[in-house]
Amino acid sequence: GRQILYILGGILVLAILGGIIYSWQMRQAGEAQAALGKAIEINEAQ
């Protein structure tokens, strides 16, 4: 039982970490897109 709990706990930790990384990547993508858009706005300014 203890060994199984360790395995299941490890899987749960990996799932949580995966979710955190995915969320971070999505947030980074949003920030990068916004920053690129702002730079393009300057590039096309009057």
All heavy atoms as atom14 arrays in JSON, in Angstrom:
{
  "sequence": "GRQILYILGGILVLAILGGIIYSWQMRQAGEAQAALGKAIEINEAQ",
  "atom14_mask": [
    [1, 1, 1, 1, 0, 0, 0, 0, 0, 0, 0, 0, 0, 0],
    [1, 1, 1, 1, 1, 1, 1, 1, 1, 1, 1, 0, 0, 0],
    [1, 1, 1, 1, 1, 1, 1, 1, 1, 0, 0, 0, 0, 0],
    [1, 1, 1, 1, 1, 1, 1, 1, 0, 0, 0, 0, 0, 0],
    [1, 1, 1, 1, 1, 1, 1, 1, 0, 0, 0, 0, 0, 0],
    [1, 1, 1, 1, 1, 1, 1, 1, 1, 1, 1, 1, 0, 0],
    [1, 1, 1, 1, 1, 1, 1, 1, 0, 0, 0, 0, 0, 0],
    [1, 1, 1, 1, 1, 1, 1, 1, 0, 0, 0, 0, 0, 0],
    [1, 1, 1, 1, 0, 0, 0, 0, 0, 0, 0, 0, 0, 0],
    [1, 1, 1, 1, 0, 0, 0, 0, 0, 0, 0, 0, 0, 0],
    [1, 1, 1, 1, 1, 1, 1, 1, 0, 0, 0, 0, 0, 0],
    [1, 1, 1, 1, 1, 1, 1, 1, 0, 0, 0, 0, 0, 0],
    [1, 1, 1, 1, 1, 1, 1, 0, 0, 0, 0, 0, 0, 0],
    [1, 1, 1, 1, 1, 1, 1, 1, 0, 0, 0, 0, 0, 0],
    [1, 1, 1, 1, 1, 0, 0, 0, 0, 0, 0, 0, 0, 0],
    [1, 1, 1, 1, 1, 1, 1, 1, 0, 0, 0, 0, 0, 0],
    [1, 1, 1, 1, 1, 1, 1, 1, 0, 0, 0, 0, 0, 0],
    [1, 1, 1, 1, 0, 0, 0, 0, 0, 0, 0, 0, 0, 0],
    [1, 1, 1, 1, 0, 0, 0, 0, 0, 0, 0, 0, 0, 0],
    [1, 1, 1, 1, 1, 1, 1, 1, 0, 0, 0, 0, 0, 0],
    [1, 1, 1, 1, 1, 1, 1, 1, 0, 0, 0, 0, 0, 0],
    [1, 1, 1, 1, 1, 1, 1, 1, 1, 1, 1, 1, 0, 0],
    [1, 1, 1, 1, 1, 1, 0, 0, 0, 0, 0, 0, 0, 0],
    [1, 1, 1, 1, 1, 1, 1, 1, 1, 1, 1, 1, 1, 1],
    [1, 1, 1, 1, 1, 1, 1, 1, 1, 0, 0, 0, 0, 0],
    [1, 1, 1, 1, 1, 1, 1, 1, 0, 0, 0, 0, 0, 0],
    [1, 1, 1, 1, 1, 1, 1, 1, 1, 1, 1, 0, 0, 0],
    [1, 1, 1, 1, 1, 1, 1, 1, 1, 0, 0, 0, 0, 0],
    [1, 1, 1, 1, 1, 0, 0, 0, 0, 0, 0, 0, 0, 0],
    [1, 1, 1, 1, 0, 0, 0, 0, 0, 0, 0, 0, 0, 0],
    [1, 1, 1, 1, 1, 1, 1, 1, 1, 0, 0, 0, 0, 0],
    [1, 1, 1, 1, 1, 0, 0, 0, 0, 0, 0, 0, 0, 0],
    [1, 1, 1, 1, 1, 1, 1, 1, 1, 0, 0, 0, 0, 0],
    [1, 1, 1, 1, 1, 0, 0, 0, 0, 0, 0, 0, 0, 0],
    [1, 1, 1, 1, 1, 0, 0, 0, 0, 0, 0, 0, 0, 0],
    [1, 1, 1, 1, 1, 1, 1, 1, 0, 0, 0, 0, 0, 0],
    [1, 1, 1, 1, 0, 0, 0, 0, 0, 0, 0, 0, 0, 0],
    [1, 1, 1, 1, 1, 1, 1, 1, 1, 0, 0, 0, 0, 0],
    [1, 1, 1, 1, 1, 0, 0, 0, 0, 0, 0, 0, 0, 0],
    [1, 1, 1, 1, 1, 1, 1, 1, 0, 0, 0, 0, 0, 0],
    [1, 1, 1, 1, 1, 1, 1, 1, 1, 0, 0, 0, 0, 0],
    [1, 1, 1, 1, 1, 1, 1, 1, 0, 0, 0, 0, 0, 0],
    [1, 1, 1, 1, 1, 1, 1, 1, 0, 0, 0, 0, 0, 0],
    [1, 1, 1, 1, 1, 1, 1, 1, 1, 0, 0, 0, 0, 0],
    [1, 1, 1, 1, 1, 0, 0, 0, 0, 0, 0, 0, 0, 0],
    [1, 1, 1, 1, 1, 1, 1, 1, 1, 0, 0, 0, 0, 0]
  ],
  "atom14_positions": [
    [[0.81, -1.22, 0.0], [0.0, 0.0, 0.0], [0.83, 1.26, 0.0], [0.55, 2.22, -0.73], [0.0, 0.0, 0.0], [0.0, 0.0, 0.0], [0.0, 0.0, 0.0], [0.0, 0.0, 0.0], [0.0, 0.0, 0.0], [0.0, 0.0, 0.0], [0.0, 0.0, 0.0], [0.0, 0.0, 0.0], [0.0, 0.0, 0.0], [0.0, 0.0, 0.0]],
    [[1.92, 1.31, 0.81], [2.75, 2.5, 0.89], [3.42, 2.8, -0.44], [3.48, 3.94, -0.9], [3.8, 2.31, 1.99], [4.6, 3.59, 2.28], [5.61, 3.3, 3.38], [4.94, 2.97, 4.63], [4.52, 3.88, 5.5], [4.69, 5.15, 5.26], [3.95, 3.5, 6.63], [0.0, 0.0, 0.0], [0.0, 0.0, 0.0], [0.0, 0.0, 0.0]],
    [[3.9, 1.73, -1.08], [4.57, 1.9, -2.38], [3.6, 2.46, -3.43], [3.95, 3.34, -4.22], [5.14, 0.56, -2.85], [5.92, 0.67, -4.15], [6.49, -0.68, -4.56], [6.4, -1.65, -3.82], [7.06, -0.73, -5.76], [0.0, 0.0, 0.0], [0.0, 0.0, 0.0], [0.0, 0.0, 0.0], [0.0, 0.0, 0.0], [0.0, 0.0, 0.0]],
    [[2.36, 1.94, -3.41], [1.34, 2.4, -4.37], [1.03, 3.86, -4.12], [0.89, 4.66, -5.06], [0.06, 1.55, -4.24], [0.35, 0.11, -4.69], [-1.07, 2.14, -5.08], [-0.77, -0.84, -4.38], [0.0, 0.0, 0.0], [0.0, 0.0, 0.0], [0.0, 0.0, 0.0], [0.0, 0.0, 0.0], [0.0, 0.0, 0.0], [0.0, 0.0, 0.0]],
    [[0.93, 4.25, -2.85], [0.65, 5.65, -2.53], [1.76, 6.56, -3.05], [1.5, 7.66, -3.53], [0.49, 5.81, -1.01], [-0.81, 5.26, -0.41], [-0.77, 5.39, 1.1], [-2.02, 5.99, -0.98], [0.0, 0.0, 0.0], [0.0, 0.0, 0.0], [0.0, 0.0, 0.0], [0.0, 0.0, 0.0], [0.0, 0.0, 0.0], [0.0, 0.0, 0.0]],
    [[3.02, 6.09, -2.92], [4.13, 6.88, -3.42], [4.0, 7.08, -4.94], [4.23, 8.17, -5.47], [5.47, 6.2, -3.11], [5.88, 6.3, -1.65], [6.7, 5.34, -1.07], [5.44, 7.36, -0.86], [7.08, 5.42, 0.25], [5.81, 7.45, 0.47], [6.64, 6.48, 1.03], [7.0, 6.56, 2.33], [0.0, 0.0, 0.0], [0.0, 0.0, 0.0]],
    [[3.65, 5.98, -5.64], [3.52, 6.05, -7.1], [2.41, 7.01, -7.49], [2.58, 7.88, -8.35], [3.26, 4.65, -7.69], [4.49, 3.75, -7.47], [2.91, 4.73, -9.17], [4.26, 2.31, -7.82], [0.0, 0.0, 0.0], [0.0, 0.0, 0.0], [0.0, 0.0, 0.0], [0.0, 0.0, 0.0], [0.0, 0.0, 0.0], [0.0, 0.0, 0.0]],
    [[1.24, 6.81, -6.82], [0.1, 7.68, -7.14], [0.42, 9.14, -6.8], [0.02, 10.06, -7.5], [-1.14, 7.22, -6.38], [-1.72, 5.86, -6.82], [-2.88, 5.48, -5.91], [-2.17, 5.91, -8.26], [0.0, 0.0, 0.0], [0.0, 0.0, 0.0], [0.0, 0.0, 0.0], [0.0, 0.0, 0.0], [0.0, 0.0, 0.0], [0.0, 0.0, 0.0]],
    [[1.12, 9.34, -5.68], [1.5, 10.69, -5.3], [2.42, 11.32, -6.32], [2.29, 12.51, -6.65], [0.0, 0.0, 0.0], [0.0, 0.0, 0.0], [0.0, 0.0, 0.0], [0.0, 0.0, 0.0], [0.0, 0.0, 0.0], [0.0, 0.0, 0.0], [0.0, 0.0, 0.0], [0.0, 0.0, 0.0], [0.0, 0.0, 0.0], [0.0, 0.0, 0.0]],
    [[3.36, 10.52, -6.86], [4.27, 11.03, -7.88], [3.53, 11.43, -9.14], [3.82, 12.46, -9.75], [0.0, 0.0, 0.0], [0.0, 0.0, 0.0], [0.0, 0.0, 0.0], [0.0, 0.0, 0.0], [0.0, 0.0, 0.0], [0.0, 0.0, 0.0], [0.0, 0.0, 0.0], [0.0, 0.0, 0.0], [0.0, 0.0, 0.0], [0.0, 0.0, 0.0]],
    [[2.55, 10.59, -9.54], [1.75, 10.91, -10.73], [0.97, 12.2, -10.52], [0.88, 13.04, -11.41], [0.79, 9.73, -11.05], [1.59, 8.5, -11.47], [-0.21, 10.12, -12.14], [0.76, 7.25, -11.61], [0.0, 0.0, 0.0], [0.0, 0.0, 0.0], [0.0, 0.0, 0.0], [0.0, 0.0, 0.0], [0.0, 0.0, 0.0], [0.0, 0.0, 0.0]],
    [[0.42, 12.36, -9.32], [-0.35, 13.56, -9.01], [0.55, 14.8, -9.07], [0.15, 15.84, -9.61], [-0.98, 13.43, -7.63], [-1.86, 14.6, -7.16], [-3.03, 14.8, -8.12], [-2.36, 14.35, -5.75], [0.0, 0.0, 0.0], [0.0, 0.0, 0.0], [0.0, 0.0, 0.0], [0.0, 0.0, 0.0], [0.0, 0.0, 0.0], [0.0, 0.0, 0.0]],
    [[1.75, 14.69, -8.53], [2.69, 15.82, -8.55], [3.03, 16.2, -9.98], [3.07, 17.38, -10.35], [3.97, 15.48, -7.75], [5.05, 16.54, -8.01], [3.66, 15.4, -6.27], [0.0, 0.0, 0.0], [0.0, 0.0, 0.0], [0.0, 0.0, 0.0], [0.0, 0.0, 0.0], [0.0, 0.0, 0.0], [0.0, 0.0, 0.0], [0.0, 0.0, 0.0]],
    [[3.29, 15.18, -10.82], [3.61, 15.45, -12.22], [2.45, 16.14, -12.92], [2.64, 17.04, -13.73], [3.95, 14.14, -12.94], [5.3, 13.51, -12.58], [5.46, 12.17, -13.28], [6.45, 14.43, -12.98], [0.0, 0.0, 0.0], [0.0, 0.0, 0.0], [0.0, 0.0, 0.0], [0.0, 0.0, 0.0], [0.0, 0.0, 0.0], [0.0, 0.0, 0.0]],
    [[1.23, 15.7, -12.62], [0.04, 16.31, -13.24], [-0.09, 17.76, -12.82], [-0.39, 18.64, -13.63], [-1.21, 15.52, -12.85], [0.0, 0.0, 0.0], [0.0, 0.0, 0.0], [0.0, 0.0, 0.0], [0.0, 0.0, 0.0], [0.0, 0.0, 0.0], [0.0, 0.0, 0.0], [0.0, 0.0, 0.0], [0.0, 0.0, 0.0], [0.0, 0.0, 0.0]],
    [[0.15, 18.04, -11.53], [0.06, 19.41, -11.03], [1.14, 20.28, -11.68], [0.87, 21.4, -12.14], [0.19, 19.44, -9.5], [-1.04, 18.77, -8.86], [0.34, 20.87, -8.99], [-0.91, 18.57, -7.38], [0.0, 0.0, 0.0], [0.0, 0.0, 0.0], [0.0, 0.0, 0.0], [0.0, 0.0, 0.0], [0.0, 0.0, 0.0], [0.0, 0.0, 0.0]],
    [[2.37, 19.75, -11.75], [3.46, 20.5, -12.36], [3.17, 20.77, -13.84], [3.44, 21.86, -14.35], [4.78, 19.73, -12.23], [5.42, 19.73, -10.85], [6.65, 18.84, -10.84], [5.81, 21.15, -10.45], [0.0, 0.0, 0.0], [0.0, 0.0, 0.0], [0.0, 0.0, 0.0], [0.0, 0.0, 0.0], [0.0, 0.0, 0.0], [0.0, 0.0, 0.0]],
    [[2.6, 19.74, -14.52], [2.25, 19.91, -15.93], [1.24, 21.03, -16.11], [1.34, 21.84, -17.03], [0.0, 0.0, 0.0], [0.0, 0.0, 0.0], [0.0, 0.0, 0.0], [0.0, 0.0, 0.0], [0.0, 0.0, 0.0], [0.0, 0.0, 0.0], [0.0, 0.0, 0.0], [0.0, 0.0, 0.0], [0.0, 0.0, 0.0], [0.0, 0.0, 0.0]],
    [[0.26, 21.07, -15.21], [-0.75, 22.13, -15.29], [-0.15, 23.5, -15.05], [-0.51, 24.46, -15.72], [0.0, 0.0, 0.0], [0.0, 0.0, 0.0], [0.0, 0.0, 0.0], [0.0, 0.0, 0.0], [0.0, 0.0, 0.0], [0.0, 0.0, 0.0], [0.0, 0.0, 0.0], [0.0, 0.0, 0.0], [0.0, 0.0, 0.0], [0.0, 0.0, 0.0]],
    [[0.77, 23.58, -14.08], [1.42, 24.86, -13.78], [2.24, 25.33, -14.98], [2.2, 26.5, -15.37], [2.32, 24.74, -12.54], [1.44, 24.52, -11.29], [3.19, 25.98, -12.37], [2.23, 24.19, -10.04], [0.0, 0.0, 0.0], [0.0, 0.0, 0.0], [0.0, 0.0, 0.0], [0.0, 0.0, 0.0], [0.0, 0.0, 0.0], [0.0, 0.0, 0.0]],
    [[3.01, 24.4, -15.59], [3.85, 24.75, -16.75], [3.0, 25.2, -17.92], [3.3, 26.19, -18.59], [4.74, 23.55, -17.14], [5.78, 23.29, -16.04], [5.42, 23.8, -18.48], [6.55, 22.0, -16.22], [0.0, 0.0, 0.0], [0.0, 0.0, 0.0], [0.0, 0.0, 0.0], [0.0, 0.0, 0.0], [0.0, 0.0, 0.0], [0.0, 0.0, 0.0]],
    [[1.9, 24.47, -18.16], [1.01, 24.83, -19.27], [0.41, 26.22, -19.05], [0.37, 27.05, -19.96], [-0.1, 23.8, -19.4], [-1.12, 24.13, -20.46], [-0.83, 23.94, -21.81], [-2.37, 24.65, -20.11], [-1.77, 24.25, -22.79], [-3.3, 24.97, -21.08], [-3.0, 24.76, -22.41], [-3.92, 25.07, -23.37], [0.0, 0.0, 0.0], [0.0, 0.0, 0.0]],
    [[-0.02, 26.46, -17.8], [-0.6, 27.77, -17.47], [0.43, 28.87, -17.66], [0.13, 29.94, -18.19], [-1.11, 27.75, -16.02], [-1.59, 29.01, -15.65], [0.0, 0.0, 0.0], [0.0, 0.0, 0.0], [0.0, 0.0, 0.0], [0.0, 0.0, 0.0], [0.0, 0.0, 0.0], [0.0, 0.0, 0.0], [0.0, 0.0, 0.0], [0.0, 0.0, 0.0]],
    [[1.68, 28.61, -17.25], [2.75, 29.59, -17.39], [3.04, 29.87, -18.86], [3.22, 31.02, -19.26], [4.0, 29.08, -16.69], [5.19, 30.0, -16.83], [5.43, 31.13, -16.12], [6.27, 29.86, -17.75], [6.6, 31.7, -16.54], [7.15, 30.95, -17.52], [6.59, 28.91, -18.72], [8.32, 31.11, -18.26], [7.75, 29.08, -19.45], [8.6, 30.16, -19.22]],
    [[3.07, 28.79, -19.66], [3.34, 28.96, -21.1], [2.25, 29.78, -21.77], [2.54, 30.63, -22.61], [3.45, 27.58, -21.77], [4.73, 26.84, -21.43], [4.76, 25.44, -22.02], [3.72, 24.82, -22.23], [5.95, 24.94, -22.28], [0.0, 0.0, 0.0], [0.0, 0.0, 0.0], [0.0, 0.0, 0.0], [0.0, 0.0, 0.0], [0.0, 0.0, 0.0]],
    [[0.99, 29.51, -21.4], [-0.12, 30.26, -21.98], [-0.04, 31.73, -21.57], [-0.29, 32.63, -22.38], [-1.45, 29.66, -21.53], [-1.73, 28.27, -22.1], [-1.74, 28.23, -23.91], [-3.23, 29.15, -24.24], [0.0, 0.0, 0.0], [0.0, 0.0, 0.0], [0.0, 0.0, 0.0], [0.0, 0.0, 0.0], [0.0, 0.0, 0.0], [0.0, 0.0, 0.0]],
    [[0.33, 31.97, -20.31], [0.45, 33.35, -19.83], [1.59, 34.06, -20.55], [1.47, 35.21, -20.96], [0.68, 33.35, -18.32], [0.66, 34.77, -17.73], [0.6, 34.73, -16.22], [1.78, 34.13, -15.63], [1.81, 32.94, -15.05], [0.71, 32.2, -14.98], [2.93, 32.46, -14.53], [0.0, 0.0, 0.0], [0.0, 0.0, 0.0], [0.0, 0.0, 0.0]],
    [[2.72, 33.33, -20.72], [3.87, 33.89, -21.42], [3.52, 34.2, -22.86], [3.92, 35.23, -23.4], [5.05, 32.91, -21.37], [5.75, 32.83, -20.03], [6.54, 34.08, -19.74], [6.09, 34.95, -19.01], [7.72, 34.19, -20.3], [0.0, 0.0, 0.0], [0.0, 0.0, 0.0], [0.0, 0.0, 0.0], [0.0, 0.0, 0.0], [0.0, 0.0, 0.0]],
    [[2.76, 33.29, -23.5], [2.36, 33.5, -24.89], [1.49, 34.74, -25.0], [1.65, 35.54, -25.93], [1.61, 32.27, -25.41], [0.0, 0.0, 0.0], [0.0, 0.0, 0.0], [0.0, 0.0, 0.0], [0.0, 0.0, 0.0], [0.0, 0.0, 0.0], [0.0, 0.0, 0.0], [0.0, 0.0, 0.0], [0.0, 0.0, 0.0], [0.0, 0.0, 0.0]],
    [[0.59, 34.91, -24.04], [-0.27, 36.1, -24.03], [0.54, 37.37, -23.87], [0.31, 38.37, -24.56], [0.0, 0.0, 0.0], [0.0, 0.0, 0.0], [0.0, 0.0, 0.0], [0.0, 0.0, 0.0], [0.0, 0.0, 0.0], [0.0, 0.0, 0.0], [0.0, 0.0, 0.0], [0.0, 0.0, 0.0], [0.0, 0.0, 0.0], [0.0, 0.0, 0.0]],
    [[1.51, 37.34, -22.96], [2.36, 38.51, -22.73], [3.21, 38.81, -23.96], [3.37, 39.97, -24.35], [3.28, 38.25, -21.52], [2.54, 38.21, -20.19], [3.46, 37.83, -19.04], [4.66, 37.63, -19.3], [2.97, 37.7, -17.9], [0.0, 0.0, 0.0], [0.0, 0.0, 0.0], [0.0, 0.0, 0.0], [0.0, 0.0, 0.0], [0.0, 0.0, 0.0]],
    [[3.76, 37.75, -24.57], [4.6, 37.93, -25.75], [3.8, 38.51, -26.9], [4.27, 39.41, -27.62], [5.23, 36.6, -26.15], [0.0, 0.0, 0.0], [0.0, 0.0, 0.0], [0.0, 0.0, 0.0], [0.0, 0.0, 0.0], [0.0, 0.0, 0.0], [0.0, 0.0, 0.0], [0.0, 0.0, 0.0], [0.0, 0.0, 0.0], [0.0, 0.0, 0.0]],
    [[2.59, 38.0, -27.09], [1.73, 38.48, -28.16], [1.39, 39.96, -27.95], [1.39, 40.75, -28.9], [0.45, 37.65, -28.24], [-0.43, 37.93, -29.44], [0.23, 37.56, -30.74], [0.76, 36.47, -30.89], [0.22, 38.47, -31.69], [0.0, 0.0, 0.0], [0.0, 0.0, 0.0], [0.0, 0.0, 0.0], [0.0, 0.0, 0.0], [0.0, 0.0, 0.0]],
    [[1.1, 40.31, -26.7], [0.77, 41.71, -26.39], [1.97, 42.62, -26.62], [1.83, 43.71, -27.18], [0.29, 41.81, -24.95], [0.0, 0.0, 0.0], [0.0, 0.0, 0.0], [0.0, 0.0, 0.0], [0.0, 0.0, 0.0], [0.0, 0.0, 0.0], [0.0, 0.0, 0.0], [0.0, 0.0, 0.0], [0.0, 0.0, 0.0], [0.0, 0.0, 0.0]],
    [[3.14, 42.16, -26.21], [4.36, 42.96, -26.39], [4.69, 43.13, -27.87], [5.07, 44.22, -28.31], [5.53, 42.3, -25.66], [0.0, 0.0, 0.0], [0.0, 0.0, 0.0], [0.0, 0.0, 0.0], [0.0, 0.0, 0.0], [0.0, 0.0, 0.0], [0.0, 0.0, 0.0], [0.0, 0.0, 0.0], [0.0, 0.0, 0.0], [0.0, 0.0, 0.0]],
    [[4.52, 42.05, -28.63], [4.77, 42.12, -30.07], [3.78, 43.07, -30.75], [4.15, 43.87, -31.61], [4.69, 40.73, -30.69], [5.04, 40.61, -32.18], [6.5, 41.0, -32.41], [4.79, 39.19, -32.68], [0.0, 0.0, 0.0], [0.0, 0.0, 0.0], [0.0, 0.0, 0.0], [0.0, 0.0, 0.0], [0.0, 0.0, 0.0], [0.0, 0.0, 0.0]],
    [[2.52, 42.99, -30.31], [1.5, 43.86, -30.87], [1.79, 45.33, -30.59], [1.6, 46.19, -31.46], [0.0, 0.0, 0.0], [0.0, 0.0, 0.0], [0.0, 0.0, 0.0], [0.0, 0.0, 0.0], [0.0, 0.0, 0.0], [0.0, 0.0, 0.0], [0.0, 0.0, 0.0], [0.0, 0.0, 0.0], [0.0, 0.0, 0.0], [0.0, 0.0, 0.0]],
    [[2.28, 45.61, -29.39], [2.61, 47.0, -29.03], [3.77, 47.52, -29.87], [3.77, 48.68, -30.32], [2.97, 47.07, -27.54], [3.18, 48.48, -27.02], [3.42, 48.49, -25.52], [3.62, 49.91, -25.0], [3.88, 49.92, -23.54], [0.0, 0.0, 0.0], [0.0, 0.0, 0.0], [0.0, 0.0, 0.0], [0.0, 0.0, 0.0], [0.0, 0.0, 0.0]],
    [[4.74, 46.64, -30.11], [5.89, 47.03, -30.94], [5.46, 47.28, -32.38], [5.94, 48.22, -33.03], [6.96, 45.94, -30.88], [0.0, 0.0, 0.0], [0.0, 0.0, 0.0], [0.0, 0.0, 0.0], [0.0, 0.0, 0.0], [0.0, 0.0, 0.0], [0.0, 0.0, 0.0], [0.0, 0.0, 0.0], [0.0, 0.0, 0.0], [0.0, 0.0, 0.0]],
    [[4.56, 46.44, -32.89], [4.05, 46.63, -34.26], [3.27, 47.93, -34.36], [3.31, 48.62, -35.38], [3.19, 45.43, -34.68], [4.08, 44.18, -34.85], [2.42, 45.7, -35.97], [3.31, 42.9, -35.1], [0.0, 0.0, 0.0], [0.0, 0.0, 0.0], [0.0, 0.0, 0.0], [0.0, 0.0, 0.0], [0.0, 0.0, 0.0], [0.0, 0.0, 0.0]],
    [[2.57, 48.28, -33.29], [1.83, 49.55, -33.26], [2.78, 50.73, -33.42], [2.48, 51.7, -34.14], [1.07, 49.65, -31.93], [0.08, 50.8, -31.86], [-0.7, 50.8, -30.57], [-1.47, 49.85, -30.33], [-0.53, 51.75, -29.78], [0.0, 0.0, 0.0], [0.0, 0.0, 0.0], [0.0, 0.0, 0.0], [0.0, 0.0, 0.0], [0.0, 0.0, 0.0]],
    [[3.94, 50.65, -32.78], [4.95, 51.69, -32.93], [5.49, 51.68, -34.36], [5.66, 52.74, -34.99], [6.11, 51.48, -31.93], [5.6, 51.65, -30.5], [7.27, 52.42, -32.21], [6.6, 51.25, -29.42], [0.0, 0.0, 0.0], [0.0, 0.0, 0.0], [0.0, 0.0, 0.0], [0.0, 0.0, 0.0], [0.0, 0.0, 0.0], [0.0, 0.0, 0.0]],
    [[5.71, 50.49, -34.88], [6.26, 50.33, -36.24], [5.34, 50.98, -37.29], [5.82, 51.49, -38.31], [6.43, 48.84, -36.54], [7.12, 48.58, -37.85], [8.33, 48.73, -37.96], [6.37, 48.15, -38.85], [0.0, 0.0, 0.0], [0.0, 0.0, 0.0], [0.0, 0.0, 0.0], [0.0, 0.0, 0.0], [0.0, 0.0, 0.0], [0.0, 0.0, 0.0]],
    [[4.03, 50.94, -37.04], [3.06, 51.46, -38.0], [2.52, 52.83, -37.61], [1.55, 53.32, -38.2], [1.91, 50.47, -38.14], [2.35, 49.11, -38.67], [1.23, 48.1, -38.71], [0.15, 48.38, -38.14], [1.43, 47.01, -39.29], [0.0, 0.0, 0.0], [0.0, 0.0, 0.0], [0.0, 0.0, 0.0], [0.0, 0.0, 0.0], [0.0, 0.0, 0.0]],
    [[3.12, 53.45, -36.61], [2.63, 54.74, -36.12], [2.78, 55.84, -37.18], [3.61, 55.75, -38.09], [3.38, 55.13, -34.86], [0.0, 0.0, 0.0], [0.0, 0.0, 0.0], [0.0, 0.0, 0.0], [0.0, 0.0, 0.0], [0.0, 0.0, 0.0], [0.0, 0.0, 0.0], [0.0, 0.0, 0.0], [0.0, 0.0, 0.0], [0.0, 0.0, 0.0]],
    [[1.98, 56.87, -37.02], [2.01, 58.0, -37.94], [3.27, 58.84, -37.73], [3.75, 58.99, -36.61], [0.76, 58.86, -37.71], [0.64, 60.05, -38.65], [-0.57, 60.91, -38.33], [-1.38, 60.57, -37.47], [-0.71, 62.04, -39.01], [0.0, 0.0, 0.0], [0.0, 0.0, 0.0], [0.0, 0.0, 0.0], [0.0, 0.0, 0.0], [0.0, 0.0, 0.0]]
  ]
}
